[in-house]
Amino acid sequence: MDYDEKIKNRIKRIEGQLRGILRMMEENKDCKDVITQLSAARTAIDRTIGVVVSSNLVACVRNADEKGESTEELVKEAVELLVKSR
């Protein structure tokens, strides 16, 4: 699968968030603020997982459809990936 710039930029933003969280910890910032930022980073990661799985699913379904193959198994796999990521 080709990962477009939008997905890569999401990861770069998450990387920046994590660096910021580490800085907050090194500066002994309040626990509530650190947890808030960790939660935001987790949400960003979860959303990125969803984008990657859905983009890949679309590409795989198109490919299978062109070959006349069943797409049911692909959808099951995608759902399993999403469930496993939680």
PDB file of N, CA and C in Angstrom:
ATOM      1  N   MET A   1       0.837  -1.178   0.000  1.00  0.00           N
ATOM      2  CA  MET A   1       0.000   0.000   0.000  1.00  0.00           C
ATOM      3  C   MET A   1       0.881   1.240   0.000  1.00  0.00           C
ATOM      4  N   ASP A   2       0.476   2.209  -0.786  1.00  0.00           N
ATOM      5  CA  ASP A   2       1.165   3.494  -0.785  1.00  0.00           C
ATOM      6  C   ASP A   2       0.548   4.380   0.286  1.00  0.00           C
ATOM      7  N   TYR A   3       1.390   4.965   1.104  1.00  0.00           N
ATOM      8  CA  TYR A   3       0.917   5.868   2.150  1.00  0.00           C
ATOM      9  C   TYR A   3       1.086   7.288   1.647  1.00  0.00           C
ATOM     10  N   ASP A   4      -0.024   8.011   1.533  1.00  0.00           N
ATOM     11  CA  ASP A   4       0.048   9.360   0.990  1.00  0.00           C
ATOM     12  C   ASP A   4       0.576  10.351   2.033  1.00  0.00           C
ATOM     13  N   GLU A   5       0.819  11.547   1.578  1.00  0.00           N
ATOM     14  CA  GLU A   5       1.411  12.567   2.446  1.00  0.00           C
ATOM     15  C   GLU A   5       0.506  12.923   3.626  1.00  0.00           C
ATOM     16  N   LYS A   6      -0.804  12.845   3.438  1.00  0.00           N
ATOM     17  CA  LYS A   6      -1.721  13.158   4.532  1.00  0.00           C
ATOM     18  C   LYS A   6      -1.523  12.209   5.705  1.00  0.00           C
ATOM     19  N   ILE A   7      -1.382  10.930   5.406  1.00  0.00           N
ATOM     20  CA  ILE A   7      -1.172   9.945   6.467  1.00  0.00           C
ATOM     21  C   ILE A   7       0.186  10.159   7.124  1.00  0.00           C
ATOM     22  N   LYS A   8       1.205  10.405   6.321  1.00  0.00           N
ATOM     23  CA  LYS A   8       2.542  10.648   6.874  1.00  0.00           C
ATOM     24  C   LYS A   8       2.543  11.898   7.747  1.00  0.00           C
ATOM     25  N   ASN A   9       1.810  12.923   7.326  1.00  0.00           N
ATOM     26  CA  ASN A   9       1.737  14.151   8.123  1.00  0.00           C
ATOM     27  C   ASN A   9       1.030  13.908   9.454  1.00  0.00           C
ATOM     28  N   ARG A  10       0.022  13.040   9.448  1.00  0.00           N
ATOM     29  CA  ARG A  10      -0.644  12.680  10.704  1.00  0.00           C
ATOM     30  C   ARG A  10       0.374  12.089  11.682  1.00  0.00           C
ATOM     31  N   ILE A  11       1.191  11.184  11.178  1.00  0.00           N
ATOM     32  CA  ILE A  11       2.196  10.532  12.022  1.00  0.00           C
ATOM     33  C   ILE A  11       3.215  11.554  12.534  1.00  0.00           C
ATOM     34  N   LYS A  12       3.602  12.482  11.695  1.00  0.00           N
ATOM     35  CA  LYS A  12       4.547  13.524  12.124  1.00  0.00           C
ATOM     36  C   LYS A  12       3.949  14.397  13.221  1.00  0.00           C
ATOM     37  N   ARG A  13       2.638  14.707  13.108  1.00  0.00           N
ATOM     38  CA  ARG A  13       1.983  15.497  14.157  1.00  0.00           C
ATOM     39  C   ARG A  13       1.939  14.716  15.471  1.00  0.00           C
ATOM     40  N   ILE A  14       1.654  13.421  15.370  1.00  0.00           N
ATOM     41  CA  ILE A  14       1.632  12.575  16.567  1.00  0.00           C
ATOM     42  C   ILE A  14       3.023  12.533  17.193  1.00  0.00           C
ATOM     43  N   GLU A  15       4.031  12.416  16.350  1.00  0.00           N
ATOM     44  CA  GLU A  15       5.410  12.407  16.842  1.00  0.00           C
ATOM     45  C   GLU A  15       5.699  13.695  17.616  1.00  0.00           C
ATOM     46  N   GLY A  16       5.241  14.817  17.083  1.00  0.00           N
ATOM     47  CA  GLY A  16       5.415  16.098  17.768  1.00  0.00           C
ATOM     48  C   GLY A  16       4.669  16.135  19.093  1.00  0.00           C
ATOM     49  N   GLN A  17       3.462  15.570  19.099  1.00  0.00           N
ATOM     50  CA  GLN A  17       2.695  15.499  20.345  1.00  0.00           C
ATOM     51  C   GLN A  17       3.462  14.695  21.395  1.00  0.00           C
ATOM     52  N   LEU A  18       4.008  13.563  20.989  1.00  0.00           N
ATOM     53  CA  LEU A  18       4.735  12.715  21.932  1.00  0.00           C
ATOM     54  C   LEU A  18       5.988  13.400  22.460  1.00  0.00           C
ATOM     55  N   ARG A  19       6.685  14.119  21.592  1.00  0.00           N
ATOM     56  CA  ARG A  19       7.854  14.876  22.055  1.00  0.00           C
ATOM     57  C   ARG A  19       7.430  15.935  23.071  1.00  0.00           C
ATOM     58  N   GLY A  20       6.291  16.576  22.805  1.00  0.00           N
ATOM     59  CA  GLY A  20       5.770  17.582  23.723  1.00  0.00           C
ATOM     60  C   GLY A  20       5.401  16.973  25.071  1.00  0.00           C
ATOM     61  N   ILE A  21       4.841  15.781  25.045  1.00  0.00           N
ATOM     62  CA  ILE A  21       4.486  15.091  26.292  1.00  0.00           C
ATOM     63  C   ILE A  21       5.737  14.757  27.087  1.00  0.00           C
ATOM     64  N   LEU A  22       6.748  14.276  26.395  1.00  0.00           N
ATOM     65  CA  LEU A  22       8.009  13.969  27.072  1.00  0.00           C
ATOM     66  C   LEU A  22       8.603  15.214  27.708  1.00  0.00           C
ATOM     67  N   ARG A  23       8.533  16.324  26.980  1.00  0.00           N
ATOM     68  CA  ARG A  23       9.029  17.598  27.516  1.00  0.00           C
ATOM     69  C   ARG A  23       8.237  17.992  28.769  1.00  0.00           C
ATOM     70  N   MET A  24       6.922  17.815  28.712  1.00  0.00           N
ATOM     71  CA  MET A  24       6.083  18.117  29.870  1.00  0.00           C
ATOM     72  C   MET A  24       6.500  17.275  31.077  1.00  0.00           C
ATOM     73  N   MET A  25       6.800  16.009  30.841  1.00  0.00           N
ATOM     74  CA  MET A  25       7.220  15.123  31.931  1.00  0.00           C
ATOM     75  C   MET A  25       8.557  15.566  32.499  1.00  0.00           C
ATOM     76  N   GLU A  26       9.476  15.939  31.603  1.00  0.00           N
ATOM     77  CA  GLU A  26      10.795  16.397  32.060  1.00  0.00           C
ATOM     78  C   GLU A  26      10.698  17.693  32.865  1.00  0.00           C
ATOM     79  N   GLU A  27       9.673  18.495  32.557  1.00  0.00           N
ATOM     80  CA  GLU A  27       9.458  19.756  33.271  1.00  0.00           C
ATOM     81  C   GLU A  27       8.525  19.575  34.470  1.00  0.00           C
ATOM     82  N   ASN A  28       8.198  18.315  34.778  1.00  0.00           N
ATOM     83  CA  ASN A  28       7.334  17.977  35.908  1.00  0.00           C
ATOM     84  C   ASN A  28       6.004  18.725  35.884  1.00  0.00           C
ATOM     85  N   LYS A  29       5.387  18.768  34.709  1.00  0.00           N
ATOM     86  CA  LYS A  29       4.080  19.409  34.573  1.00  0.00           C
ATOM     87  C   LYS A  29       3.029  18.585  35.302  1.00  0.00           C
ATOM     88  N   ASP A  30       1.890  19.215  35.538  1.00  0.00           N
ATOM     89  CA  ASP A  30       0.798  18.579  36.266  1.00  0.00           C
ATOM     90  C   ASP A  30       0.352  17.291  35.581  1.00  0.00           C
ATOM     91  N   CYS A  31       0.069  16.281  36.381  1.00  0.00           N
ATOM     92  CA  CYS A  31      -0.359  14.960  35.899  1.00  0.00           C
ATOM     93  C   CYS A  31      -1.579  15.069  34.983  1.00  0.00           C
ATOM     94  N   LYS A  32      -2.540  15.899  35.347  1.00  0.00           N
ATOM     95  CA  LYS A  32      -3.764  16.035  34.550  1.00  0.00           C
ATOM     96  C   LYS A  32      -3.455  16.523  33.142  1.00  0.00           C
ATOM     97  N   ASP A  33      -2.516  17.459  33.037  1.00  0.00           N
ATOM     98  CA  ASP A  33      -2.144  17.988  31.727  1.00  0.00           C
ATOM     99  C   ASP A  33      -1.447  16.921  30.880  1.00  0.00           C
ATOM    100  N   VAL A  34      -0.589  16.140  31.514  1.00  0.00           N
ATOM    101  CA  VAL A  34       0.120  15.067  30.805  1.00  0.00           C
ATOM    102  C   VAL A  34      -0.884  14.022  30.312  1.00  0.00           C
ATOM    103  N   ILE A  35      -1.799  13.629  31.183  1.00  0.00           N
ATOM    104  CA  ILE A  35      -2.804  12.632  30.803  1.00  0.00           C
ATOM    105  C   ILE A  35      -3.677  13.155  29.671  1.00  0.00           C
ATOM    106  N   THR A  36      -4.040  14.422  29.720  1.00  0.00           N
ATOM    107  CA  THR A  36      -4.843  15.020  28.653  1.00  0.00           C
ATOM    108  C   THR A  36      -4.122  14.914  27.320  1.00  0.00           C
ATOM    109  N   GLN A  37      -2.835  15.205  27.316  1.00  0.00           N
ATOM    110  CA  GLN A  37      -2.056  15.133  26.079  1.00  0.00           C
ATOM    111  C   GLN A  37      -1.841  13.691  25.622  1.00  0.00           C
ATOM    112  N   LEU A  38      -1.642  12.782  26.571  1.00  0.00           N
ATOM    113  CA  LEU A  38      -1.517  11.364  26.211  1.00  0.00           C
ATOM    114  C   LEU A  38      -2.811  10.863  25.574  1.00  0.00           C
ATOM    115  N   SER A  39      -3.927  11.264  26.130  1.00  0.00           N
ATOM    116  CA  SER A  39      -5.220  10.877  25.584  1.00  0.00           C
ATOM    117  C   SER A  39      -5.404  11.424  24.170  1.00  0.00           C
ATOM    118  N   ALA A  40      -4.993  12.660  23.958  1.00  0.00           N
ATOM    119  CA  ALA A  40      -5.098  13.261  22.625  1.00  0.00           C
ATOM    120  C   ALA A  40      -4.224  12.513  21.624  1.00  0.00           C
ATOM    121  N   ALA A  41      -3.025  12.120  22.047  1.00  0.00           N
ATOM    122  CA  ALA A  41      -2.130  11.373  21.161  1.00  0.00           C
ATOM    123  C   ALA A  41      -2.726  10.002  20.838  1.00  0.00           C
ATOM    124  N   ARG A  42      -3.311   9.352  21.844  1.00  0.00           N
ATOM    125  CA  ARG A  42      -3.930   8.049  21.616  1.00  0.00           C
ATOM    126  C   ARG A  42      -5.086   8.168  20.624  1.00  0.00           C
ATOM    127  N   THR A  43      -5.894   9.202  20.786  1.00  0.00           N
ATOM    128  CA  THR A  43      -7.007   9.425  19.865  1.00  0.00           C
ATOM    129  C   THR A  43      -6.496   9.641  18.446  1.00  0.00           C
ATOM    130  N   ALA A  44      -5.430  10.417  18.314  1.00  0.00           N
ATOM    131  CA  ALA A  44      -4.846  10.671  16.997  1.00  0.00           C
ATOM    132  C   ALA A  44      -4.329   9.375  16.377  1.00  0.00           C
ATOM    133  N   ILE A  45      -3.725   8.526  17.182  1.00  0.00           N
ATOM    134  CA  ILE A  45      -3.231   7.235  16.685  1.00  0.00           C
ATOM    135  C   ILE A  45      -4.411   6.359  16.256  1.00  0.00           C
ATOM    136  N   ASP A  46      -5.450   6.307  17.086  1.00  0.00           N
ATOM    137  CA  ASP A  46      -6.628   5.502  16.740  1.00  0.00           C
ATOM    138  C   ASP A  46      -7.246   5.955  15.424  1.00  0.00           C
ATOM    139  N   ARG A  47      -7.344   7.252  15.241  1.00  0.00           N
ATOM    140  CA  ARG A  47      -7.925   7.772  13.995  1.00  0.00           C
ATOM    141  C   ARG A  47      -7.031   7.444  12.800  1.00  0.00           C
ATOM    142  N   THR A  48      -5.735   7.503  13.000  1.00  0.00           N
ATOM    143  CA  THR A  48      -4.804   7.174  11.920  1.00  0.00           C
ATOM    144  C   THR A  48      -4.917   5.700  11.550  1.00  0.00           C
ATOM    145  N   ILE A  49      -5.059   4.850  12.550  1.00  0.00           N
ATOM    146  CA  ILE A  49      -5.268   3.427  12.278  1.00  0.00           C
ATOM    147  C   ILE A  49      -6.509   3.243  11.416  1.00  0.00           C
ATOM    148  N   GLY A  50      -7.580   3.942  11.763  1.00  0.00           N
ATOM    149  CA  GLY A  50      -8.815   3.851  10.994  1.00  0.00           C
ATOM    150  C   GLY A  50      -8.630   4.284   9.550  1.00  0.00           C
ATOM    151  N   VAL A  51      -7.887   5.363   9.357  1.00  0.00           N
ATOM    152  CA  VAL A  51      -7.637   5.864   7.999  1.00  0.00           C
ATOM    153  C   VAL A  51      -6.823   4.848   7.201  1.00  0.00           C
ATOM    154  N   VAL A  52      -5.793   4.298   7.819  1.00  0.00           N
ATOM    155  CA  VAL A  52      -4.944   3.324   7.118  1.00  0.00           C
ATOM    156  C   VAL A  52      -5.747   2.078   6.761  1.00  0.00           C
ATOM    157  N   VAL A  53      -6.509   1.555   7.712  1.00  0.00           N
ATOM    158  CA  VAL A  53      -7.295   0.344   7.447  1.00  0.00           C
ATOM    159  C   VAL A  53      -8.339   0.611   6.369  1.00  0.00           C
ATOM    160  N   SER A  54      -9.042   1.728   6.476  1.00  0.00           N
ATOM    161  CA  SER A  54     -10.095   1.992   5.489  1.00  0.00           C
ATOM    162  C   SER A  54      -9.517   2.239   4.097  1.00  0.00           C
ATOM    163  N   SER A  55      -8.402   2.958   4.025  1.00  0.00           N
ATOM    164  CA  SER A  55      -7.772   3.196   2.720  1.00  0.00           C
ATOM    165  C   SER A  55      -7.315   1.885   2.097  1.00  0.00           C
ATOM    166  N   ASN A  56      -6.714   1.047   2.914  1.00  0.00           N
ATOM    167  CA  ASN A  56      -6.241  -0.245   2.427  1.00  0.00           C
ATOM    168  C   ASN A  56      -7.422  -1.115   2.012  1.00  0.00           C
ATOM    169  N   LEU A  57      -8.494  -1.075   2.798  1.00  0.00           N
ATOM    170  CA  LEU A  57      -9.670  -1.877   2.475  1.00  0.00           C
ATOM    171  C   LEU A  57     -10.256  -1.468   1.130  1.00  0.00           C
ATOM    172  N   VAL A  58     -10.360  -0.174   0.904  1.00  0.00           N
ATOM    173  CA  VAL A  58     -10.901   0.314  -0.372  1.00  0.00           C
ATOM    174  C   VAL A  58     -10.060  -0.214  -1.534  1.00  0.00           C
ATOM    175  N   ALA A  59      -8.737  -0.102  -1.411  1.00  0.00           N
ATOM    176  CA  ALA A  59      -7.845  -0.568  -2.473  1.00  0.00           C
ATOM    177  C   ALA A  59      -7.977  -2.081  -2.675  1.00  0.00           C
ATOM    178  N   CYS A  60      -8.033  -2.828  -1.585  1.00  0.00           N
ATOM    179  CA  CYS A  60      -8.137  -4.291  -1.684  1.00  0.00           C
ATOM    180  C   CYS A  60      -9.474  -4.721  -2.277  1.00  0.00           C
ATOM    181  N   VAL A  61     -10.549  -4.053  -1.889  1.00  0.00           N
ATOM    182  CA  VAL A  61     -11.873  -4.398  -2.418  1.00  0.00           C
ATOM    183  C   VAL A  61     -11.929  -4.118  -3.918  1.00  0.00           C
ATOM    184  N   ARG A  62     -11.389  -2.988  -4.328  1.00  0.00           N
ATOM    185  CA  ARG A  62     -11.365  -2.678  -5.766  1.00  0.00           C
ATOM    186  C   ARG A  62     -10.591  -3.733  -6.537  1.00  0.00           C
ATOM    187  N   ASN A  63      -9.433  -4.096  -5.997  1.00  0.00           N
ATOM    188  CA  ASN A  63      -8.585  -5.093  -6.636  1.00  0.00           C
ATOM    189  C   ASN A  63      -9.303  -6.442  -6.720  1.00  0.00           C
ATOM    190  N   ALA A  64      -9.922  -6.869  -5.636  1.00  0.00           N
ATOM    191  CA  ALA A  64     -10.640  -8.149  -5.622  1.00  0.00           C
ATOM    192  C   ALA A  64     -11.841  -8.109  -6.561  1.00  0.00           C
ATOM    193  N   ASP A  65     -12.518  -6.970  -6.591  1.00  0.00           N
ATOM    194  CA  ASP A  65     -13.688  -6.816  -7.452  1.00  0.00           C
ATOM    195  C   ASP A  65     -13.291  -6.933  -8.932  1.00  0.00           C
ATOM    196  N   GLU A  66     -12.151  -6.332  -9.263  1.00  0.00           N
ATOM    197  CA  GLU A  66     -11.663  -6.416 -10.646  1.00  0.00           C
ATOM    198  C   GLU A  66     -11.337  -7.854 -11.041  1.00  0.00           C
ATOM    199  N   LYS A  67     -10.886  -8.638 -10.067  1.00  0.00           N
ATOM    200  CA  LYS A  67     -10.538 -10.034 -10.333  1.00  0.00           C
ATOM    201  C   LYS A  67     -11.743 -10.962 -10.187  1.00  0.00           C
ATOM    202  N   GLY A  68     -12.876 -10.390  -9.771  1.00  0.00           N
ATOM    203  CA  GLY A  68     -14.070 -11.205  -9.585  1.00  0.00           C
ATOM    204  C   GLY A  68     -14.029 -12.050  -8.331  1.00  0.00           C
ATOM    205  N   GLU A  69     -13.199 -11.669  -7.359  1.00  0.00           N
ATOM    206  CA  GLU A  69     -13.062 -12.415  -6.106  1.00  0.00           C
ATOM    207  C   GLU A  69     -14.029 -11.872  -5.062  1.00  0.00           C
ATOM    208  N   SER A  70     -14.308 -12.686  -4.064  1.00  0.00           N
ATOM    209  CA  SER A  70     -15.174 -12.280  -2.964  1.00  0.00           C
ATOM    210  C   SER A  70     -14.451 -11.260  -2.085  1.00  0.00           C
ATOM    211  N   THR A  71     -15.192 -10.291  -1.607  1.00  0.00           N
ATOM    212  CA  THR A  71     -14.611  -9.257  -0.746  1.00  0.00           C
ATOM    213  C   THR A  71     -14.967  -9.463   0.724  1.00  0.00           C
ATOM    214  N   GLU A  72     -15.772 -10.453   1.007  1.00  0.00           N
ATOM    215  CA  GLU A  72     -16.232 -10.694   2.372  1.00  0.00           C
ATOM    216  C   GLU A  72     -15.072 -10.912   3.343  1.00  0.00           C
ATOM    217  N   GLU A  73     -14.117 -11.721   2.940  1.00  0.00           N
ATOM    218  CA  GLU A  73     -12.969 -12.019   3.807  1.00  0.00           C
ATOM    219  C   GLU A  73     -12.136 -10.755   4.056  1.00  0.00           C
ATOM    220  N   LEU A  74     -12.013  -9.914   3.051  1.00  0.00           N
ATOM    221  CA  LEU A  74     -11.259  -8.664   3.215  1.00  0.00           C
ATOM    222  C   LEU A  74     -11.906  -7.760   4.258  1.00  0.00           C
ATOM    223  N   VAL A  75     -13.206  -7.681   4.230  1.00  0.00           N
ATOM    224  CA  VAL A  75     -13.928  -6.853   5.197  1.00  0.00           C
ATOM    225  C   VAL A  75     -13.759  -7.422   6.600  1.00  0.00           C
ATOM    226  N   LYS A  76     -13.863  -8.736   6.739  1.00  0.00           N
ATOM    227  CA  LYS A  76     -13.655  -9.378   8.044  1.00  0.00           C
ATOM    228  C   LYS A  76     -12.260  -9.082   8.578  1.00  0.00           C
ATOM    229  N   GLU A  77     -11.259  -9.183   7.705  1.00  0.00           N
ATOM    230  CA  GLU A  77      -9.876  -8.897   8.100  1.00  0.00           C
ATOM    231  C   GLU A  77      -9.719  -7.457   8.584  1.00  0.00           C
ATOM    232  N   ALA A  78     -10.333  -6.533   7.865  1.00  0.00           N
ATOM    233  CA  ALA A  78     -10.249  -5.124   8.238  1.00  0.00           C
ATOM    234  C   ALA A  78     -10.875  -4.883   9.605  1.00  0.00           C
ATOM    235  N   VAL A  79     -12.025  -5.489   9.837  1.00  0.00           N
ATOM    236  CA  VAL A  79     -12.692  -5.347  11.139  1.00  0.00           C
ATOM    237  C   VAL A  79     -11.815  -5.936  12.244  1.00  0.00           C
ATOM    238  N   GLU A  80     -11.218  -7.102  11.990  1.00  0.00           N
ATOM    239  CA  GLU A  80     -10.334  -7.714  12.975  1.00  0.00           C
ATOM    240  C   GLU A  80      -9.144  -6.819  13.304  1.00  0.00           C
ATOM    241  N   LEU A  81      -8.587  -6.173  12.287  1.00  0.00           N
ATOM    242  CA  LEU A  81      -7.474  -5.248  12.517  1.00  0.00           C
ATOM    243  C   LEU A  81      -7.891  -4.090  13.418  1.00  0.00           C
ATOM    244  N   LEU A  82      -9.064  -3.567  13.161  1.00  0.00           N
ATOM    245  CA  LEU A  82      -9.564  -2.449  13.972  1.00  0.00           C
ATOM    246  C   LEU A  82      -9.816  -2.897  15.411  1.00  0.00           C
ATOM    247  N   VAL A  83     -10.410  -4.071  15.573  1.00  0.00           N
ATOM    248  CA  VAL A  83     -10.683  -4.574  16.921  1.00  0.00           C
ATOM    249  C   VAL A  83      -9.379  -4.852  17.657  1.00  0.00           C
ATOM    250  N   LYS A  84      -8.421  -5.458  16.965  1.00  0.00           N
ATOM    251  CA  LYS A  84      -7.142  -5.772  17.571  1.00  0.00           C
ATOM    252  C   LYS A  84      -6.377  -4.514  17.995  1.00  0.00           C
ATOM    253  N   SER A  85      -6.577  -3.419  17.270  1.00  0.00           N
ATOM    254  CA  SER A  85      -5.843  -2.196  17.572  1.00  0.00           C
ATOM    255  C   SER A  85      -6.332  -1.546  18.863  1.00  0.00           C
ATOM    256  N   ARG A  86      -7.487  -1.959  19.349  1.00  0.00           N
ATOM    257  CA  ARG A  86      -8.015  -1.410  20.594  1.00  0.00           C
ATOM    258  C   ARG A  86      -7.509  -2.230  21.717  1.00  0.00           C
TER     259      ARG A  86
END
